[in-house]
Amino acid sequence: MALATLVFFSAALRVAPYRRLARWLPRAGTQPAEAWRKRRLHRHVTRAARWTPGASCLPQAMTGYLLLAARGREALIRIGVKQPPGEAFRAHATLVSGGHVLLGGDGDADTFHPLTDLQPGR
């Protein structure tokens, strides 16, 4: 399921803006994801990303969000930004549940300043 969902979001974001796609996502639940579900979600989405062209951080976060929200679990997509001196402005999306980053927390993700939290379906 993660692979098909990630392929869909990677392709859809090339032709439609996030806001249009977010209207079709379900509202997330209020219960944080269990530890086993977090590990499983991370494993499945990161594996699918290796095989999906254009699977950047936003399609991965949207995929994880959909998979959690469909099971009534709490999730949000956090957008962060940074502009190091002499470098271009950059943005990054992470998936957060229960205060923990589930997707997009690899590498230098903690150097991005949180800009907004997106909660599709609200």
PDB file of N, CA and C in Angstrom:
ATOM      1  N   MET A   1       0.808  -1.186   0.000  1.00  0.00           N
ATOM      2  CA  MET A   1       0.000   0.000   0.000  1.00  0.00           C
ATOM      3  C   MET A   1       0.860   1.264   0.000  1.00  0.00           C
ATOM      4  N   ALA A   2       1.983   1.246   0.712  1.00  0.00           N
ATOM      5  CA  ALA A   2       2.852   2.418   0.779  1.00  0.00           C
ATOM      6  C   ALA A   2       3.398   2.769  -0.603  1.00  0.00           C
ATOM      7  N   LEU A   3       3.798   1.769  -1.366  1.00  0.00           N
ATOM      8  CA  LEU A   3       4.362   2.033  -2.688  1.00  0.00           C
ATOM      9  C   LEU A   3       3.339   2.681  -3.608  1.00  0.00           C
ATOM     10  N   ALA A   4       2.148   2.134  -3.683  1.00  0.00           N
ATOM     11  CA  ALA A   4       1.115   2.697  -4.562  1.00  0.00           C
ATOM     12  C   ALA A   4       0.740   4.107  -4.136  1.00  0.00           C
ATOM     13  N   THR A   5       0.633   4.336  -2.838  1.00  0.00           N
ATOM     14  CA  THR A   5       0.273   5.662  -2.332  1.00  0.00           C
ATOM     15  C   THR A   5       1.377   6.667  -2.613  1.00  0.00           C
ATOM     16  N   LEU A   6       2.621   6.267  -2.432  1.00  0.00           N
ATOM     17  CA  LEU A   6       3.746   7.163  -2.686  1.00  0.00           C
ATOM     18  C   LEU A   6       3.868   7.485  -4.175  1.00  0.00           C
ATOM     19  N   VAL A   7       3.669   6.515  -5.029  1.00  0.00           N
ATOM     20  CA  VAL A   7       3.694   6.766  -6.474  1.00  0.00           C
ATOM     21  C   VAL A   7       2.605   7.769  -6.831  1.00  0.00           C
ATOM     22  N   PHE A   8       1.407   7.581  -6.262  1.00  0.00           N
ATOM     23  CA  PHE A   8       0.314   8.510  -6.540  1.00  0.00           C
ATOM     24  C   PHE A   8       0.674   9.935  -6.127  1.00  0.00           C
ATOM     25  N   PHE A   9       1.108  10.128  -4.880  1.00  0.00           N
ATOM     26  CA  PHE A   9       1.408  11.493  -4.408  1.00  0.00           C
ATOM     27  C   PHE A   9       2.593  12.105  -5.150  1.00  0.00           C
ATOM     28  N   SER A  10       3.602  11.316  -5.478  1.00  0.00           N
ATOM     29  CA  SER A  10       4.752  11.850  -6.226  1.00  0.00           C
ATOM     30  C   SER A  10       4.318  12.367  -7.588  1.00  0.00           C
ATOM     31  N   ALA A  11       3.440  11.634  -8.257  1.00  0.00           N
ATOM     32  CA  ALA A  11       2.943  12.062  -9.567  1.00  0.00           C
ATOM     33  C   ALA A  11       1.946  13.203  -9.432  1.00  0.00           C
ATOM     34  N   ALA A  12       1.034  13.104  -8.483  1.00  0.00           N
ATOM     35  CA  ALA A  12      -0.021  14.112  -8.329  1.00  0.00           C
ATOM     36  C   ALA A  12       0.547  15.485  -7.977  1.00  0.00           C
ATOM     37  N   LEU A  13       1.600  15.531  -7.173  1.00  0.00           N
ATOM     38  CA  LEU A  13       2.180  16.819  -6.796  1.00  0.00           C
ATOM     39  C   LEU A  13       2.884  17.512  -7.966  1.00  0.00           C
ATOM     40  N   ARG A  14       3.115  16.793  -9.024  1.00  0.00           N
ATOM     41  CA  ARG A  14       3.703  17.405 -10.222  1.00  0.00           C
ATOM     42  C   ARG A  14       2.662  18.181 -11.016  1.00  0.00           C
ATOM     43  N   VAL A  15       1.384  17.838 -10.847  1.00  0.00           N
ATOM     44  CA  VAL A  15       0.334  18.478 -11.652  1.00  0.00           C
ATOM     45  C   VAL A  15      -0.692  19.238 -10.814  1.00  0.00           C
ATOM     46  N   ALA A  16      -0.702  19.042  -9.509  1.00  0.00           N
ATOM     47  CA  ALA A  16      -1.680  19.723  -8.662  1.00  0.00           C
ATOM     48  C   ALA A  16      -0.987  20.238  -7.400  1.00  0.00           C
ATOM     49  N   PRO A  17      -1.428  21.376  -6.886  1.00  0.00           N
ATOM     50  CA  PRO A  17      -0.822  21.895  -5.658  1.00  0.00           C
ATOM     51  C   PRO A  17      -1.233  21.083  -4.436  1.00  0.00           C
ATOM     52  N   TYR A  18      -0.437  21.200  -3.394  1.00  0.00           N
ATOM     53  CA  TYR A  18      -0.693  20.476  -2.154  1.00  0.00           C
ATOM     54  C   TYR A  18      -2.113  20.728  -1.654  1.00  0.00           C
ATOM     55  N   ARG A  19      -2.553  21.991  -1.641  1.00  0.00           N
ATOM     56  CA  ARG A  19      -3.881  22.327  -1.095  1.00  0.00           C
ATOM     57  C   ARG A  19      -5.002  21.552  -1.775  1.00  0.00           C
ATOM     58  N   ARG A  20      -4.894  21.378  -3.075  1.00  0.00           N
ATOM     59  CA  ARG A  20      -5.932  20.628  -3.786  1.00  0.00           C
ATOM     60  C   ARG A  20      -5.934  19.168  -3.347  1.00  0.00           C
ATOM     61  N   LEU A  21      -4.758  18.583  -3.227  1.00  0.00           N
ATOM     62  CA  LEU A  21      -4.665  17.173  -2.824  1.00  0.00           C
ATOM     63  C   LEU A  21      -5.068  16.982  -1.364  1.00  0.00           C
ATOM     64  N   ALA A  22      -4.724  17.933  -0.515  1.00  0.00           N
ATOM     65  CA  ALA A  22      -5.004  17.817   0.915  1.00  0.00           C
ATOM     66  C   ALA A  22      -6.503  17.764   1.202  1.00  0.00           C
ATOM     67  N   ARG A  23      -7.303  18.353   0.330  1.00  0.00           N
ATOM     68  CA  ARG A  23      -8.756  18.332   0.525  1.00  0.00           C
ATOM     69  C   ARG A  23      -9.306  16.908   0.514  1.00  0.00           C
ATOM     70  N   TRP A  24      -8.598  16.008  -0.134  1.00  0.00           N
ATOM     71  CA  TRP A  24      -9.078  14.631  -0.269  1.00  0.00           C
ATOM     72  C   TRP A  24      -8.523  13.700   0.803  1.00  0.00           C
ATOM     73  N   LEU A  25      -7.651  14.217   1.642  1.00  0.00           N
ATOM     74  CA  LEU A  25      -7.094  13.389   2.715  1.00  0.00           C
ATOM     75  C   LEU A  25      -8.045  13.372   3.908  1.00  0.00           C
ATOM     76  N   PRO A  26      -8.122  12.245   4.615  1.00  0.00           N
ATOM     77  CA  PRO A  26      -9.013  12.172   5.776  1.00  0.00           C
ATOM     78  C   PRO A  26      -8.450  12.954   6.963  1.00  0.00           C
ATOM     79  N   ARG A  27      -9.313  13.250   7.882  1.00  0.00           N
ATOM     80  CA  ARG A  27      -8.890  13.894   9.122  1.00  0.00           C
ATOM     81  C   ARG A  27      -8.185  12.841   9.982  1.00  0.00           C
ATOM     82  N   ALA A  28      -7.060  13.227  10.560  1.00  0.00           N
ATOM     83  CA  ALA A  28      -6.313  12.292  11.418  1.00  0.00           C
ATOM     84  C   ALA A  28      -7.046  12.104  12.738  1.00  0.00           C
ATOM     85  N   GLY A  29      -6.773  10.992  13.390  1.00  0.00           N
ATOM     86  CA  GLY A  29      -7.370  10.715  14.685  1.00  0.00           C
ATOM     87  C   GLY A  29      -6.647  11.462  15.795  1.00  0.00           C
ATOM     88  N   THR A  30      -6.942  11.089  17.025  1.00  0.00           N
ATOM     89  CA  THR A  30      -6.334  11.760  18.176  1.00  0.00           C
ATOM     90  C   THR A  30      -5.358  10.864  18.933  1.00  0.00           C
ATOM     91  N   GLN A  31      -5.334   9.580  18.620  1.00  0.00           N
ATOM     92  CA  GLN A  31      -4.439   8.655  19.300  1.00  0.00           C
ATOM     93  C   GLN A  31      -3.093   8.605  18.585  1.00  0.00           C
ATOM     94  N   PRO A  32      -1.989   8.820  19.300  1.00  0.00           N
ATOM     95  CA  PRO A  32      -0.675   8.689  18.667  1.00  0.00           C
ATOM     96  C   PRO A  32      -0.463   7.266  18.159  1.00  0.00           C
ATOM     97  N   ALA A  33       0.337   7.144  17.144  1.00  0.00           N
ATOM     98  CA  ALA A  33       0.648   5.820  16.592  1.00  0.00           C
ATOM     99  C   ALA A  33       1.484   5.019  17.590  1.00  0.00           C
ATOM    100  N   GLU A  34       1.215   3.720  17.646  1.00  0.00           N
ATOM    101  CA  GLU A  34       1.981   2.832  18.509  1.00  0.00           C
ATOM    102  C   GLU A  34       3.398   2.706  17.979  1.00  0.00           C
ATOM    103  N   ALA A  35       4.331   2.323  18.855  1.00  0.00           N
ATOM    104  CA  ALA A  35       5.740   2.216  18.471  1.00  0.00           C
ATOM    105  C   ALA A  35       5.933   1.252  17.302  1.00  0.00           C
ATOM    106  N   TRP A  36       5.269   0.104  17.335  1.00  0.00           N
ATOM    107  CA  TRP A  36       5.432  -0.863  16.248  1.00  0.00           C
ATOM    108  C   TRP A  36       4.902  -0.295  14.935  1.00  0.00           C
ATOM    109  N   ARG A  37       3.806   0.474  15.005  1.00  0.00           N
ATOM    110  CA  ARG A  37       3.234   1.059  13.788  1.00  0.00           C
ATOM    111  C   ARG A  37       4.179   2.126  13.213  1.00  0.00           C
ATOM    112  N   LYS A  38       4.815   2.891  14.097  1.00  0.00           N
ATOM    113  CA  LYS A  38       5.774   3.921  13.652  1.00  0.00           C
ATOM    114  C   LYS A  38       6.942   3.277  12.913  1.00  0.00           C
ATOM    115  N   ARG A  39       7.486   2.216  13.499  1.00  0.00           N
ATOM    116  CA  ARG A  39       8.622   1.531  12.862  1.00  0.00           C
ATOM    117  C   ARG A  39       8.215   0.940  11.511  1.00  0.00           C
ATOM    118  N   ARG A  40       7.073   0.307  11.499  1.00  0.00           N
ATOM    119  CA  ARG A  40       6.590  -0.324  10.268  1.00  0.00           C
ATOM    120  C   ARG A  40       6.333   0.725   9.178  1.00  0.00           C
ATOM    121  N   LEU A  41       5.697   1.828   9.552  1.00  0.00           N
ATOM    122  CA  LEU A  41       5.423   2.902   8.598  1.00  0.00           C
ATOM    123  C   LEU A  41       6.727   3.447   8.012  1.00  0.00           C
ATOM    124  N   HIS A  42       7.687   3.730   8.884  1.00  0.00           N
ATOM    125  CA  HIS A  42       8.981   4.253   8.419  1.00  0.00           C
ATOM    126  C   HIS A  42       9.641   3.276   7.452  1.00  0.00           C
ATOM    127  N   ARG A  43       9.651   2.028   7.808  1.00  0.00           N
ATOM    128  CA  ARG A  43      10.288   1.009   6.964  1.00  0.00           C
ATOM    129  C   ARG A  43       9.610   0.923   5.596  1.00  0.00           C
ATOM    130  N   HIS A  44       8.296   0.864   5.569  1.00  0.00           N
ATOM    131  CA  HIS A  44       7.578   0.705   4.308  1.00  0.00           C
ATOM    132  C   HIS A  44       7.695   1.936   3.408  1.00  0.00           C
ATOM    133  N   VAL A  45       7.565   3.116   3.976  1.00  0.00           N
ATOM    134  CA  VAL A  45       7.628   4.327   3.150  1.00  0.00           C
ATOM    135  C   VAL A  45       9.053   4.577   2.650  1.00  0.00           C
ATOM    136  N   THR A  46      10.061   4.384   3.488  1.00  0.00           N
ATOM    137  CA  THR A  46      11.431   4.608   3.016  1.00  0.00           C
ATOM    138  C   THR A  46      11.843   3.575   1.968  1.00  0.00           C
ATOM    139  N   ARG A  47      11.380   2.351   2.103  1.00  0.00           N
ATOM    140  CA  ARG A  47      11.657   1.348   1.059  1.00  0.00           C
ATOM    141  C   ARG A  47      10.974   1.739  -0.247  1.00  0.00           C
ATOM    142  N   ALA A  48       9.718   2.148  -0.164  1.00  0.00           N
ATOM    143  CA  ALA A  48       8.982   2.554  -1.366  1.00  0.00           C
ATOM    144  C   ALA A  48       9.644   3.754  -2.027  1.00  0.00           C
ATOM    145  N   ALA A  49      10.201   4.658  -1.232  1.00  0.00           N
ATOM    146  CA  ALA A  49      10.840   5.864  -1.780  1.00  0.00           C
ATOM    147  C   ALA A  49      12.062   5.518  -2.631  1.00  0.00           C
ATOM    148  N   ARG A  50      12.727   4.425  -2.309  1.00  0.00           N
ATOM    149  CA  ARG A  50      13.891   4.023  -3.108  1.00  0.00           C
ATOM    150  C   ARG A  50      13.499   3.651  -4.533  1.00  0.00           C
ATOM    151  N   TRP A  51      12.254   3.231  -4.729  1.00  0.00           N
ATOM    152  CA  TRP A  51      11.791   2.763  -6.032  1.00  0.00           C
ATOM    153  C   TRP A  51      10.882   3.763  -6.742  1.00  0.00           C
ATOM    154  N   THR A  52      10.656   4.911  -6.135  1.00  0.00           N
ATOM    155  CA  THR A  52       9.707   5.869  -6.688  1.00  0.00           C
ATOM    156  C   THR A  52      10.405   7.150  -7.121  1.00  0.00           C
ATOM    157  N   PRO A  53      10.431   7.433  -8.424  1.00  0.00           N
ATOM    158  CA  PRO A  53      11.015   8.696  -8.884  1.00  0.00           C
ATOM    159  C   PRO A  53      10.218   9.879  -8.333  1.00  0.00           C
ATOM    160  N   GLY A  54      10.921  10.901  -7.900  1.00  0.00           N
ATOM    161  CA  GLY A  54      10.262  12.102  -7.399  1.00  0.00           C
ATOM    162  C   GLY A  54       9.693  11.974  -6.004  1.00  0.00           C
ATOM    163  N   ALA A  55      10.091  10.932  -5.288  1.00  0.00           N
ATOM    164  CA  ALA A  55       9.561  10.722  -3.935  1.00  0.00           C
ATOM    165  C   ALA A  55      10.342  11.561  -2.932  1.00  0.00           C
ATOM    166  N   SER A  56      10.155  12.860  -3.006  1.00  0.00           N
ATOM    167  CA  SER A  56      10.828  13.767  -2.079  1.00  0.00           C
ATOM    168  C   SER A  56      10.118  13.755  -0.729  1.00  0.00           C
ATOM    169  N   CYS A  57      10.493  14.653   0.137  1.00  0.00           N
ATOM    170  CA  CYS A  57       9.973  14.629   1.502  1.00  0.00           C
ATOM    171  C   CYS A  57       8.459  14.861   1.582  1.00  0.00           C
ATOM    172  N   LEU A  58       7.882  15.741   0.753  1.00  0.00           N
ATOM    173  CA  LEU A  58       6.449  16.006   0.855  1.00  0.00           C
ATOM    174  C   LEU A  58       5.597  14.803   0.448  1.00  0.00           C
ATOM    175  N   PRO A  59       5.855  14.161  -0.688  1.00  0.00           N
ATOM    176  CA  PRO A  59       5.058  12.967  -0.986  1.00  0.00           C
ATOM    177  C   PRO A  59       5.216  11.857   0.061  1.00  0.00           C
ATOM    178  N   GLN A  60       6.404  11.732   0.636  1.00  0.00           N
ATOM    179  CA  GLN A  60       6.602  10.728   1.684  1.00  0.00           C
ATOM    180  C   GLN A  60       5.781  11.082   2.922  1.00  0.00           C
ATOM    181  N   ALA A  61       5.798  12.352   3.317  1.00  0.00           N
ATOM    182  CA  ALA A  61       5.027  12.777   4.481  1.00  0.00           C
ATOM    183  C   ALA A  61       3.530  12.602   4.232  1.00  0.00           C
ATOM    184  N   MET A  62       3.065  12.909   3.029  1.00  0.00           N
ATOM    185  CA  MET A  62       1.649  12.751   2.702  1.00  0.00           C
ATOM    186  C   MET A  62       1.249  11.278   2.712  1.00  0.00           C
ATOM    187  N   THR A  63       2.127  10.421   2.229  1.00  0.00           N
ATOM    188  CA  THR A  63       1.864   8.981   2.246  1.00  0.00           C
ATOM    189  C   THR A  63       1.730   8.482   3.676  1.00  0.00           C
ATOM    190  N   GLY A  64       2.688   8.832   4.505  1.00  0.00           N
ATOM    191  CA  GLY A  64       2.626   8.422   5.904  1.00  0.00           C
ATOM    192  C   GLY A  64       1.404   8.975   6.607  1.00  0.00           C
ATOM    193  N   TYR A  65       1.066  10.226   6.314  1.00  0.00           N
ATOM    194  CA  TYR A  65      -0.119  10.833   6.910  1.00  0.00           C
ATOM    195  C   TYR A  65      -1.367  10.032   6.549  1.00  0.00           C
ATOM    196  N   LEU A  66      -1.526   9.730   5.278  1.00  0.00           N
ATOM    197  CA  LEU A  66      -2.708   8.993   4.843  1.00  0.00           C
ATOM    198  C   LEU A  66      -2.790   7.620   5.502  1.00  0.00           C
ATOM    199  N   LEU A  67      -1.664   6.928   5.569  1.00  0.00           N
ATOM    200  CA  LEU A  67      -1.657   5.591   6.163  1.00  0.00           C
ATOM    201  C   LEU A  67      -2.006   5.620   7.652  1.00  0.00           C
ATOM    202  N   LEU A  68      -1.561   6.653   8.364  1.00  0.00           N
ATOM    203  CA  LEU A  68      -1.905   6.778   9.781  1.00  0.00           C
ATOM    204  C   LEU A  68      -3.342   7.254   9.971  1.00  0.00           C
ATOM    205  N   ALA A  69      -3.742   8.284   9.229  1.00  0.00           N
ATOM    206  CA  ALA A  69      -5.090   8.838   9.382  1.00  0.00           C
ATOM    207  C   ALA A  69      -6.153   7.813   9.038  1.00  0.00           C
ATOM    208  N   ALA A  70      -5.881   6.966   8.065  1.00  0.00           N
ATOM    209  CA  ALA A  70      -6.845   5.938   7.675  1.00  0.00           C
ATOM    210  C   ALA A  70      -7.081   4.934   8.810  1.00  0.00           C
ATOM    211  N   ARG A  71      -6.161   4.863   9.737  1.00  0.00           N
ATOM    212  CA  ARG A  71      -6.295   3.963  10.891  1.00  0.00           C
ATOM    213  C   ARG A  71      -6.645   4.721  12.165  1.00  0.00           C
ATOM    214  N   GLY A  72      -7.041   5.976  12.005  1.00  0.00           N
ATOM    215  CA  GLY A  72      -7.474   6.778  13.151  1.00  0.00           C
ATOM    216  C   GLY A  72      -6.364   7.248  14.059  1.00  0.00           C
ATOM    217  N   ARG A  73      -5.148   7.290  13.557  1.00  0.00           N
ATOM    218  CA  ARG A  73      -4.013   7.725  14.366  1.00  0.00           C
ATOM    219  C   ARG A  73      -3.715   9.205  14.123  1.00  0.00           C
ATOM    220  N   GLU A  74      -3.164   9.844  15.139  1.00  0.00           N
ATOM    221  CA  GLU A  74      -2.816  11.259  15.087  1.00  0.00           C
ATOM    222  C   GLU A  74      -1.585  11.456  14.197  1.00  0.00           C
ATOM    223  N   ALA A  75      -1.625  12.478  13.366  1.00  0.00           N
ATOM    224  CA  ALA A  75      -0.489  12.787  12.486  1.00  0.00           C
ATOM    225  C   ALA A  75      -0.613  14.212  11.986  1.00  0.00           C
ATOM    226  N   LEU A  76       0.525  14.806  11.677  1.00  0.00           N
ATOM    227  CA  LEU A  76       0.545  16.106  11.023  1.00  0.00           C
ATOM    228  C   LEU A  76       1.791  16.193  10.163  1.00  0.00           C
ATOM    229  N   ILE A  77       1.722  17.053   9.180  1.00  0.00           N
ATOM    230  CA  ILE A  77       2.855  17.286   8.288  1.00  0.00           C
ATOM    231  C   ILE A  77       3.462  18.624   8.692  1.00  0.00           C
ATOM    232  N   ARG A  78       4.717  18.600   9.101  1.00  0.00           N
ATOM    233  CA  ARG A  78       5.411  19.822   9.536  1.00  0.00           C
ATOM    234  C   ARG A  78       6.315  20.304   8.400  1.00  0.00           C
ATOM    235  N   ILE A  79       6.172  21.573   8.073  1.00  0.00           N
ATOM    236  CA  ILE A  79       7.011  22.199   7.059  1.00  0.00           C
ATOM    237  C   ILE A  79       8.033  23.076   7.763  1.00  0.00           C
ATOM    238  N   GLY A  80       9.287  22.871   7.438  1.00  0.00           N
ATOM    239  CA  GLY A  80      10.368  23.670   7.996  1.00  0.00           C
ATOM    240  C   GLY A  80      11.167  24.319   6.887  1.00  0.00           C
ATOM    241  N   VAL A  81      11.870  25.397   7.225  1.00  0.00           N
ATOM    242  CA  VAL A  81      12.654  26.135   6.238  1.00  0.00           C
ATOM    243  C   VAL A  81      14.031  26.479   6.799  1.00  0.00           C
ATOM    244  N   LYS A  82      14.955  26.722   5.880  1.00  0.00           N
ATOM    245  CA  LYS A  82      16.266  27.246   6.274  1.00  0.00           C
ATOM    246  C   LYS A  82      16.920  27.883   5.059  1.00  0.00           C
ATOM    247  N   GLN A  83      17.827  28.821   5.341  1.00  0.00           N
ATOM    248  CA  GLN A  83      18.622  29.427   4.289  1.00  0.00           C
ATOM    249  C   GLN A  83      20.014  29.697   4.858  1.00  0.00           C
ATOM    250  N   PRO A  84      20.884  28.703   4.722  1.00  0.00           N
ATOM    251  CA  PRO A  84      22.246  28.895   5.205  1.00  0.00           C
ATOM    252  C   PRO A  84      22.927  30.019   4.427  1.00  0.00           C
ATOM    253  N   PRO A  85      23.864  30.721   5.063  1.00  0.00           N
ATOM    254  CA  PRO A  85      24.570  31.802   4.367  1.00  0.00           C
ATOM    255  C   PRO A  85      25.206  31.305   3.064  1.00  0.00           C
ATOM    256  N   GLY A  86      24.940  32.010   1.996  1.00  0.00           N
ATOM    257  CA  GLY A  86      25.515  31.668   0.706  1.00  0.00           C
ATOM    258  C   GLY A  86      24.832  30.521  -0.011  1.00  0.00           C
ATOM    259  N   GLU A  87      23.760  29.991   0.545  1.00  0.00           N
ATOM    260  CA  GLU A  87      23.048  28.883  -0.087  1.00  0.00           C
ATOM    261  C   GLU A  87      21.618  29.292  -0.408  1.00  0.00           C
ATOM    262  N   ALA A  88      20.968  28.479  -1.204  1.00  0.00           N
ATOM    263  CA  ALA A  88      19.587  28.750  -1.592  1.00  0.00           C
ATOM    264  C   ALA A  88      18.628  28.417  -0.443  1.00  0.00           C
ATOM    265  N   PHE A  89      17.497  29.079  -0.447  1.00  0.00           N
ATOM    266  CA  PHE A  89      16.406  28.808   0.484  1.00  0.00           C
ATOM    267  C   PHE A  89      15.940  27.375   0.292  1.00  0.00           C
ATOM    268  N   ARG A  90      15.704  26.663   1.397  1.00  0.00           N
ATOM    269  CA  ARG A  90      15.261  25.267   1.304  1.00  0.00           C
ATOM    270  C   ARG A  90      14.081  25.035   2.231  1.00  0.00           C
ATOM    271  N   ALA A  91      13.208  24.148   1.834  1.00  0.00           N
ATOM    272  CA  ALA A  91      12.071  23.738   2.658  1.00  0.00           C
ATOM    273  C   ALA A  91      12.118  22.223   2.809  1.00  0.00           C
ATOM    274  N   HIS A  92      11.509  21.732   3.879  1.00  0.00           N
ATOM    275  CA  HIS A  92      11.532  20.300   4.155  1.00  0.00           C
ATOM    276  C   HIS A  92      10.242  19.913   4.873  1.00  0.00           C
ATOM    277  N   ALA A  93       9.683  18.766   4.514  1.00  0.00           N
ATOM    278  CA  ALA A  93       8.470  18.254   5.152  1.00  0.00           C
ATOM    279  C   ALA A  93       8.809  17.035   5.996  1.00  0.00           C
ATOM    280  N   THR A  94       8.224  16.972   7.184  1.00  0.00           N
ATOM    281  CA  THR A  94       8.363  15.804   8.040  1.00  0.00           C
ATOM    282  C   THR A  94       6.970  15.350   8.476  1.00  0.00           C
ATOM    283  N   LEU A  95       6.854  14.094   8.816  1.00  0.00           N
ATOM    284  CA  LEU A  95       5.614  13.547   9.351  1.00  0.00           C
ATOM    285  C   LEU A  95       5.805  13.369  10.848  1.00  0.00           C
ATOM    286  N   VAL A  96       4.870  13.910  11.628  1.00  0.00           N
ATOM    287  CA  VAL A  96       4.965  13.887  13.082  1.00  0.00           C
ATOM    288  C   VAL A  96       3.726  13.201  13.663  1.00  0.00           C
ATOM    289  N   SER A  97       3.945  12.344  14.649  1.00  0.00           N
ATOM    290  CA  SER A  97       2.839  11.713  15.382  1.00  0.00           C
ATOM    291  C   SER A  97       3.270  11.567  16.831  1.00  0.00           C
ATOM    292  N   GLY A  98       2.429  12.019  17.735  1.00  0.00           N
ATOM    293  CA  GLY A  98       2.760  11.912  19.153  1.00  0.00           C
ATOM    294  C   GLY A  98       4.003  12.681  19.536  1.00  0.00           C
ATOM    295  N   GLY A  99       4.291  13.764  18.815  1.00  0.00           N
ATOM    296  CA  GLY A  99       5.466  14.569  19.105  1.00  0.00           C
ATOM    297  C   GLY A  99       6.770  14.019  18.563  1.00  0.00           C
ATOM    298  N   HIS A 100       6.715  12.905  17.842  1.00  0.00           N
ATOM    299  CA  HIS A 100       7.920  12.280  17.296  1.00  0.00           C
ATOM    300  C   HIS A 100       7.913  12.361  15.776  1.00  0.00           C
ATOM    301  N   VAL A 101       9.068  12.653  15.200  1.00  0.00           N
ATOM    302  CA  VAL A 101       9.200  12.676  13.745  1.00  0.00           C
ATOM    303  C   VAL A 101       9.297  11.241  13.251  1.00  0.00           C
ATOM    304  N   LEU A 102       8.360  10.858  12.371  1.00  0.00           N
ATOM    305  CA  LEU A 102       8.340   9.493  11.845  1.00  0.00           C
ATOM    306  C   LEU A 102       9.006   9.397  10.488  1.00  0.00           C
ATOM    307  N   LEU A 103       8.830  10.416   9.664  1.00  0.00           N
ATOM    308  CA  LEU A 103       9.428  10.440   8.326  1.00  0.00           C
ATOM    309  C   LEU A 103      10.053  11.806   8.091  1.00  0.00           C
ATOM    310  N   GLY A 104      11.195  11.818   7.414  1.00  0.00           N
ATOM    311  CA  GLY A 104      11.844  13.075   7.079  1.00  0.00           C
ATOM    312  C   GLY A 104      12.788  13.590   8.143  1.00  0.00           C
ATOM    313  N   GLY A 105      13.058  12.796   9.158  1.00  0.00           N
ATOM    314  CA  GLY A 105      13.928  13.237  10.238  1.00  0.00           C
ATOM    315  C   GLY A 105      15.383  12.855  10.057  1.00  0.00           C
ATOM    316  N   ASP A 106      15.728  12.349   8.888  1.00  0.00           N
ATOM    317  CA  ASP A 106      17.095  11.905   8.636  1.00  0.00           C
ATOM    318  C   ASP A 106      17.996  13.085   8.260  1.00  0.00           C
ATOM    319  N   GLY A 107      19.264  12.889   8.400  1.00  0.00           N
ATOM    320  CA  GLY A 107      20.227  13.892   7.956  1.00  0.00           C
ATOM    321  C   GLY A 107      20.139  15.196   8.728  1.00  0.00           C
ATOM    322  N   ASP A 108      19.974  16.294   7.998  1.00  0.00           N
ATOM    323  CA  ASP A 108      19.997  17.622   8.618  1.00  0.00           C
ATOM    324  C   ASP A 108      18.604  18.182   8.894  1.00  0.00           C
ATOM    325  N   ALA A 109      17.606  17.333   9.016  1.00  0.00           N
ATOM    326  CA  ALA A 109      16.224  17.779   9.208  1.00  0.00           C
ATOM    327  C   ALA A 109      16.059  18.651  10.448  1.00  0.00           C
ATOM    328  N   ASP A 110      16.867  18.398  11.485  1.00  0.00           N
ATOM    329  CA  ASP A 110      16.719  19.190  12.706  1.00  0.00           C
ATOM    330  C   ASP A 110      17.271  20.601  12.564  1.00  0.00           C
ATOM    331  N   THR A 111      17.912  20.927  11.451  1.00  0.00           N
ATOM    332  CA  THR A 111      18.422  22.280  11.231  1.00  0.00           C
ATOM    333  C   THR A 111      17.388  23.182  10.555  1.00  0.00           C
ATOM    334  N   PHE A 112      16.242  22.632  10.199  1.00  0.00           N
ATOM    335  CA  PHE A 112      15.170  23.419   9.597  1.00  0.00           C
ATOM    336  C   PHE A 112      14.323  24.038  10.702  1.00  0.00           C
ATOM    337  N   HIS A 113      13.935  25.292  10.519  1.00  0.00           N
ATOM    338  CA  HIS A 113      13.085  25.989  11.487  1.00  0.00           C
ATOM    339  C   HIS A 113      11.625  25.707  11.146  1.00  0.00           C
ATOM    340  N   PRO A 114      10.850  25.189  12.093  1.00  0.00           N
ATOM    341  CA  PRO A 114       9.437  24.898  11.806  1.00  0.00           C
ATOM    342  C   PRO A 114       8.705  26.161  11.360  1.00  0.00           C
ATOM    343  N   LEU A 115       7.989  26.043  10.275  1.00  0.00           N
ATOM    344  CA  LEU A 115       7.221  27.153   9.719  1.00  0.00           C
ATOM    345  C   LEU A 115       5.743  26.976  10.012  1.00  0.00           C
ATOM    346  N   THR A 116       5.225  25.784   9.724  1.00  0.00           N
ATOM    347  CA  THR A 116       3.812  25.509   9.952  1.00  0.00           C
ATOM    348  C   THR A 116       3.565  24.019  10.073  1.00  0.00           C
ATOM    349  N   ASP A 117       2.485  23.683  10.746  1.00  0.00           N
ATOM    350  CA  ASP A 117       2.032  22.302  10.836  1.00  0.00           C
ATOM    351  C   ASP A 117       0.758  22.178  10.011  1.00  0.00           C
ATOM    352  N   LEU A 118       0.750  21.253   9.087  1.00  0.00           N
ATOM    353  CA  LEU A 118      -0.401  21.043   8.209  1.00  0.00           C
ATOM    354  C   LEU A 118      -1.194  19.851   8.722  1.00  0.00           C
ATOM    355  N   GLN A 119      -2.483  20.027   8.842  1.00  0.00           N
ATOM    356  CA  GLN A 119      -3.363  18.946   9.268  1.00  0.00           C
ATOM    357  C   GLN A 119      -4.477  18.821   8.242  1.00  0.00           C
ATOM    358  N   PRO A 120      -4.227  18.058   7.197  1.00  0.00           N
ATOM    359  CA  PRO A 120      -5.255  17.885   6.164  1.00  0.00           C
ATOM    360  C   PRO A 120      -6.569  17.391   6.768  1.00  0.00           C
ATOM    361  N   GLY A 121      -7.645  17.754   6.130  1.00  0.00           N
ATOM    362  CA  GLY A 121      -8.949  17.327   6.588  1.00  0.00           C
ATOM    363  C   GLY A 121      -9.525  18.214   7.679  1.00  0.00           C
ATOM    364  N   ARG A 122      -8.799  19.247   8.093  1.00  0.00           N
ATOM    365  CA  ARG A 122      -9.300  20.167   9.138  1.00  0.00           C
ATOM    366  C   ARG A 122      -9.499  21.543   8.572  1.00  0.00           C
TER     367      ARG A 122
END
